[in-house]
C-alpha atoms as a PDB file:
ATOM      1  CA  MET A   1     141.042  87.991  59.194  1.00  0.00           C
ATOM      2  CA  GLN A   2     141.713  88.126  62.946  1.00  0.00           C
ATOM      3  CA  LYS A   3     142.135  91.916  62.805  1.00  0.00           C
ATOM      4  CA  ARG A   4     138.785  92.204  61.041  1.00  0.00           C
ATOM      5  CA  LYS A   5     137.048  90.192  63.780  1.00  0.00           C
ATOM      6  CA  ALA A   6     138.626  92.384  66.434  1.00  0.00           C
ATOM      7  CA  SER A   7     137.344  95.522  64.732  1.00  0.00           C
ATOM      8  CA  LYS A   8     133.797  94.114  64.612  1.00  0.00           C
ATOM      9  CA  LYS A   9     133.948  93.329  68.326  1.00  0.00           C
ATOM     10  CA  GLN A  10     135.292  96.804  68.981  1.00  0.00           C
ATOM     11  CA  VAL A  11     132.379  98.396  67.132  1.00  0.00           C
ATOM     12  CA  LEU A  12     129.866  96.266  69.031  1.00  0.00           C
ATOM     13  CA  LEU A  13     131.377  97.187  72.397  1.00  0.00           C
ATOM     14  CA  GLN A  14     132.197 100.853  71.846  1.00  0.00           C
ATOM     15  CA  TYR A  15     129.150 101.803  69.798  1.00  0.00           C
ATOM     16  CA  PRO A  16     126.160  99.796  70.994  1.00  0.00           C
ATOM     17  CA  ASP A  17     123.717 101.733  68.802  1.00  0.00           C
ATOM     18  CA  ILE A  18     125.665 100.890  65.651  1.00  0.00           C
ATOM     19  CA  GLY A  19     126.278  97.361  66.925  1.00  0.00           C
ATOM     20  CA  PHE A  20     122.530  96.876  67.333  1.00  0.00           C
ATOM     21  CA  ALA A  21     121.939  97.913  63.715  1.00  0.00           C
ATOM     22  CA  ILE A  22     124.687  95.575  62.487  1.00  0.00           C
ATOM     23  CA  VAL A  23     123.287  92.623  64.434  1.00  0.00           C
ATOM     24  CA  LYS A  24     119.735  93.252  63.199  1.00  0.00           C
ATOM     25  CA  LEU A  25     120.921  93.456  59.589  1.00  0.00           C
ATOM     26  CA  ALA A  26     123.006  90.299  60.010  1.00  0.00           C
ATOM     27  CA  GLN A  27     119.943  88.425  61.269  1.00  0.00           C
ATOM     28  CA  GLN A  28     118.199  89.130  57.965  1.00  0.00           C
ATOM     29  CA  ILE A  29     120.940  87.877  55.617  1.00  0.00           C
ATOM     30  CA  ALA A  30     119.139  84.662  54.691  1.00  0.00           C
ATOM     31  CA  ASN A  31     115.836  86.405  54.011  1.00  0.00           C
ATOM     32  CA  SER A  32     116.900  89.887  52.932  1.00  0.00           C
ATOM     33  CA  SER A  33     114.880  92.234  50.783  1.00  0.00           C
ATOM     34  CA  ASN A  34     115.474  95.547  49.070  1.00  0.00           C
ATOM     35  CA  LYS A  35     114.495  97.278  52.325  1.00  0.00           C
ATOM     36  CA  HIS A  36     117.337  95.488  54.150  1.00  0.00           C
ATOM     37  CA  TYR A  37     119.753  96.346  51.357  1.00  0.00           C
ATOM     38  CA  GLN A  38     118.794 100.022  51.612  1.00  0.00           C
ATOM     39  CA  ALA A  39     119.259  99.917  55.396  1.00  0.00           C
ATOM     40  CA  LYS A  40     122.698  98.366  54.942  1.00  0.00           C
ATOM     41  CA  LEU A  41     123.690 101.077  52.468  1.00  0.00           C
ATOM     42  CA  TYR A  42     122.425 103.747  54.856  1.00  0.00           C
ATOM     43  CA  LEU A  43     124.518 102.293  57.684  1.00  0.00           C
ATOM     44  CA  TYR A  44     127.633 102.054  55.501  1.00  0.00           C
ATOM     45  CA  ARG A  45     127.222 105.651  54.318  1.00  0.00           C
ATOM     46  CA  TYR A  46     126.754 106.795  57.910  1.00  0.00           C
ATOM     47  CA  LEU A  47     129.946 105.009  58.996  1.00  0.00           C
ATOM     48  CA  LEU A  48     131.933 106.343  56.044  1.00  0.00           C
ATOM     49  CA  ASN A  49     130.850 109.918  56.673  1.00  0.00           C
ATOM     50  CA  THR A  50     131.227 109.977  60.455  1.00  0.00           C
ATOM     51  CA  TYR A  51     134.372 107.955  61.199  1.00  0.00           C
ATOM     52  CA  LYS A  52     136.426 111.154  61.580  1.00  0.00           C
ATOM     53  CA  TYR A  53     134.146 112.566  64.281  1.00  0.00           C
ATOM     54  CA  GLN A  54     135.485 112.404  67.792  1.00  0.00           C
ATOM     55  CA  ILE A  55     135.096 113.987  71.191  1.00  0.00           C
ATOM     56  CA  VAL A  56     138.156 115.967  72.204  1.00  0.00           C
ATOM     57  CA  TYR A  57     138.888 116.927  75.787  1.00  0.00           C
ATOM     58  CA  ASN A  58     141.502 119.523  76.610  1.00  0.00           C
ATOM     59  CA  ARG A  59     142.629 121.463  79.661  1.00  0.00           C
ATOM     60  CA  LEU A  60     140.078 124.194  79.073  1.00  0.00           C
ATOM     61  CA  SER A  61     137.140 121.816  79.009  1.00  0.00           C
ATOM     62  CA  ASN A  62     134.979 121.079  82.015  1.00  0.00           C
ATOM     63  CA  LYS A  63     136.732 118.417  84.100  1.00  0.00           C
ATOM     64  CA  SER A  64     133.623 116.953  85.695  1.00  0.00           C
ATOM     65  CA  VAL A  65     131.928 113.957  84.165  1.00  0.00           C
ATOM     66  CA  VAL A  66     128.170 113.588  84.352  1.00  0.00           C
ATOM     67  CA  ALA A  67     126.606 110.193  83.738  1.00  0.00           C
ATOM     68  CA  TYR A  68     122.986 109.106  83.692  1.00  0.00           C
ATOM     69  CA  PHE A  69     121.704 105.562  83.810  1.00  0.00           C
ATOM     70  CA  ASP A  70     118.464 103.676  84.102  1.00  0.00           C
ATOM     71  CA  LEU A  71     118.357 100.816  86.586  1.00  0.00           C
ATOM     72  CA  ASP A  72     115.090  99.519  85.149  1.00  0.00           C
ATOM     73  CA  TRP A  73     116.510  99.085  81.638  1.00  0.00           C
ATOM     74  CA  ALA A  74     117.059  95.330  81.957  1.00  0.00           C
END
């Protein structure tokens, strides 16, 4: 059970877009409809089909990192 909780936290921290979808679906558990069920299935299918995807860096790749951020987001 503890390992399962850690993996949920890991998803929320490492993948904020997926974490947002999980939180929004969890908020609707008490009053869920077929639309919520379909959204949950869509999310599960997405996770099942994309868990093997990863970004791989090697020596031949560009070594500079470019980051963009928005200070007005909050």
